[in-house]
Protein backbone atom coordinates (compact mmCIF):
# COMPACT_ATOMS: atom_id res chain seq x y z
CA MET A 1 -8.41 -0.58 -6.00
CA VAL A 2 -5.12 1.31 -6.06
CA VAL A 3 -3.27 -1.84 -5.00
CA ALA A 4 -4.85 -3.77 -7.88
CA ILE A 5 -3.79 -1.12 -10.42
CA VAL A 6 -0.22 -1.09 -9.08
CA ALA A 7 -0.13 -4.91 -9.22
CA ILE A 8 -1.32 -4.92 -12.84
CA LEU A 9 1.19 -2.26 -13.90
CA GLY A 10 3.96 -4.13 -12.09
CA SER A 11 3.12 -7.38 -13.83
CA ILE A 12 3.42 -5.60 -17.18
CA ALA A 13 6.66 -3.73 -16.44
CA LEU A 14 8.59 -6.44 -14.56
CA PRO A 15 9.17 -8.84 -17.50
CA ARG A 16 10.46 -5.98 -19.65
CA MET A 17 12.82 -4.79 -16.95
CA SER A 18 14.03 -8.34 -16.36
CA ALA A 19 14.73 -8.91 -20.06
CA SER A 20 16.53 -5.58 -20.28
CA GLU A 21 18.70 -6.43 -17.29
CA ARG A 22 19.62 -9.83 -18.77
CA ARG A 23 20.54 -8.26 -22.12
CA TYR A 24 22.66 -5.64 -20.34
CA ARG A 25 24.57 -8.33 -18.41
CA LEU A 26 25.21 -10.26 -21.62
CA GLU A 27 26.49 -7.20 -23.48
CA LEU A 28 28.61 -6.21 -20.48
CA ALA A 29 30.23 -9.67 -20.36
CA ALA A 30 30.91 -9.63 -24.11
CA ALA A 31 32.47 -6.17 -23.95
CA ARG A 32 34.64 -7.29 -21.01
CA LEU A 33 35.81 -10.41 -22.85
CA ALA A 34 36.61 -8.42 -26.00
CA ALA A 35 38.52 -5.83 -23.96
CA ASP A 36 40.46 -8.56 -22.11
CA LEU A 37 41.37 -10.27 -25.40
CA ASP A 38 42.59 -6.95 -26.75
CA ALA A 39 44.57 -6.39 -23.52
CA ALA A 40 46.12 -9.86 -23.88
CA ARG A 41 47.21 -9.03 -27.42
CA SER A 42 48.70 -5.71 -26.24
CA TYR A 43 50.39 -7.41 -23.27
CA ALA A 44 51.96 -10.03 -25.55
CA ARG A 45 53.23 -7.36 -27.91
CA ALA A 46 54.53 -5.03 -25.16
CA ASN A 47 56.36 -7.82 -23.33
CA ALA A 48 57.41 -9.83 -26.41
CA GLU A 49 55.88 -12.88 -24.71
CA GLY A 50 53.13 -15.18 -25.81
CA VAL A 51 49.75 -15.24 -24.06
CA THR A 52 47.47 -18.27 -24.35
CA ILE A 53 43.80 -17.96 -23.44
CA THR A 54 42.01 -21.18 -22.49
CA PHE A 55 38.22 -21.06 -22.51
CA ASN A 56 36.32 -23.43 -20.23
CA THR A 57 32.63 -23.69 -21.14
CA VAL A 58 31.88 -25.77 -18.03
CA THR A 59 33.21 -23.29 -15.45
CA GLU A 60 32.45 -20.23 -17.69
CA THR A 61 36.04 -18.99 -17.35
CA ALA A 62 38.83 -17.72 -19.58
CA THR A 63 42.36 -18.23 -18.22
CA PHE A 64 45.05 -15.95 -19.65
CA ALA A 65 48.30 -17.94 -19.25
CA GLY A 66 51.32 -15.66 -19.39
CA MET A 67 49.34 -12.55 -18.38
CA ARG A 68 49.56 -11.92 -14.65
CA GLY A 69 46.56 -10.91 -12.56
CA ASP A 70 46.48 -8.94 -9.32
CA HIS A 71 47.96 -11.74 -7.20
CA GLY A 72 50.84 -12.66 -9.50
CA THR A 73 49.00 -15.64 -10.96
CA ASP A 74 47.52 -16.08 -14.42
CA TYR A 75 44.61 -13.72 -14.97
CA VAL A 76 41.19 -15.45 -14.95
CA LEU A 77 37.95 -13.92 -16.21
CA ASP A 78 35.04 -15.65 -14.46
CA LEU A 79 31.80 -14.99 -16.35
CA ALA A 80 29.73 -17.13 -13.95
CA ARG A 81 30.21 -14.61 -11.12
CA ALA A 82 28.56 -11.23 -10.55
CA PRO A 83 28.03 -8.91 -12.27
CA TYR A 84 27.86 -11.15 -15.37
CA ARG A 85 26.38 -14.53 -14.34
CA ILE A 86 26.19 -15.75 -17.94
CA ASP A 87 27.00 -18.96 -19.84
CA MET A 88 29.92 -19.40 -22.20
CA ALA A 89 28.02 -21.49 -24.75
CA THR A 90 30.87 -22.20 -27.18
CA ALA A 91 34.53 -21.38 -27.71
CA ASP A 92 35.95 -22.52 -31.02
CA PHE A 93 39.30 -21.51 -32.48
CA GLY A 94 40.08 -23.98 -35.24
CA GLY A 95 38.57 -26.88 -33.31
CA GLU A 96 40.23 -25.92 -30.02
CA SER A 97 39.06 -23.92 -27.05
CA LYS A 98 42.37 -22.03 -26.92
CA LEU A 99 43.56 -18.82 -28.50
CA ALA A 100 47.23 -17.81 -28.49
CA PHE A 101 48.89 -14.47 -29.18
CA ASP A 102 52.60 -14.62 -29.96
CA GLY A 103 55.19 -12.07 -28.81
CA TYR A 104 54.17 -9.80 -31.70
CA GLY A 105 50.51 -9.79 -30.65
CA SER A 106 49.58 -11.91 -33.67
CA THR A 107 47.53 -15.08 -33.80
CA SER A 108 47.16 -17.71 -36.47
CA SER A 109 43.75 -18.75 -35.12
CA THR A 110 40.34 -17.48 -36.09
CA GLY A 111 37.16 -18.24 -34.22
CA SER A 112 34.72 -17.01 -31.67
CA VAL A 113 33.32 -17.32 -28.18
CA THR A 114 29.54 -17.31 -27.90
CA LEU A 115 28.03 -16.05 -24.67
CA LYS A 116 24.46 -16.93 -23.75
CA LEU A 117 21.90 -15.77 -21.25
CA GLY A 118 18.39 -17.13 -21.62
CA THR A 119 17.58 -17.05 -25.32
CA SER A 120 19.97 -14.17 -26.14
CA THR A 121 23.49 -14.71 -27.47
CA VAL A 122 26.45 -12.51 -28.33
CA SER A 123 29.62 -13.66 -30.09
CA VAL A 124 33.11 -12.25 -29.56
CA THR A 125 35.03 -12.99 -32.75
CA ILE A 126 38.62 -12.98 -33.92
CA SER A 127 37.63 -12.50 -37.55
CA GLU A 128 40.96 -12.84 -39.32
CA ALA A 129 44.41 -14.14 -38.52
CA SER A 130 47.34 -11.98 -37.46
CA ARG A 131 46.41 -8.61 -35.92
CA ALA A 132 42.71 -8.57 -36.79
CA PRO A 133 40.23 -6.56 -34.76
CA ILE A 134 38.19 -8.25 -32.08
CA VAL A 135 34.53 -7.80 -33.00
CA LEU A 136 31.26 -8.35 -31.18
CA SER A 137 28.24 -9.58 -33.09
CA GLY A 138 24.67 -10.09 -32.00
CA GLY A 139 24.78 -7.17 -29.58
CA LYS A 140 24.71 -3.40 -29.71
CA VAL A 141 28.31 -2.92 -28.58
CA GLY A 142 31.26 -3.14 -30.93
CA ILE A 143 34.98 -3.00 -30.27
CA LYS A 144 37.38 -2.74 -33.18
């Protein structure tokens, strides 16, 4: 009898916990992408060098050309790997999947990257040209 009660309670709680974990991973990935975009802008400004971010929706990666990672190569954010394991549904910056910051940390592009996990989505948006804030929409987290 006790085993049956535990099984019933588990079947009720497990889907909620699973959905909560998926939403957390999605928001974590969006916050990481927004922070990395802000770091790329700061890096470009501090070094007076351009940084170009190329988004690949097939491999779920963002490559930051001109911004060095730990091994001296271009920094790559891989959203398909743990702890994120999410899909990069779209990346659109004026019809391209690239975003560039010039040596002043400015960009002439506007657009967004939409991240997806299951039926939930979150967008990381460059809302205006120049030095606009990077904003998250569709999630609880916001970075401005």
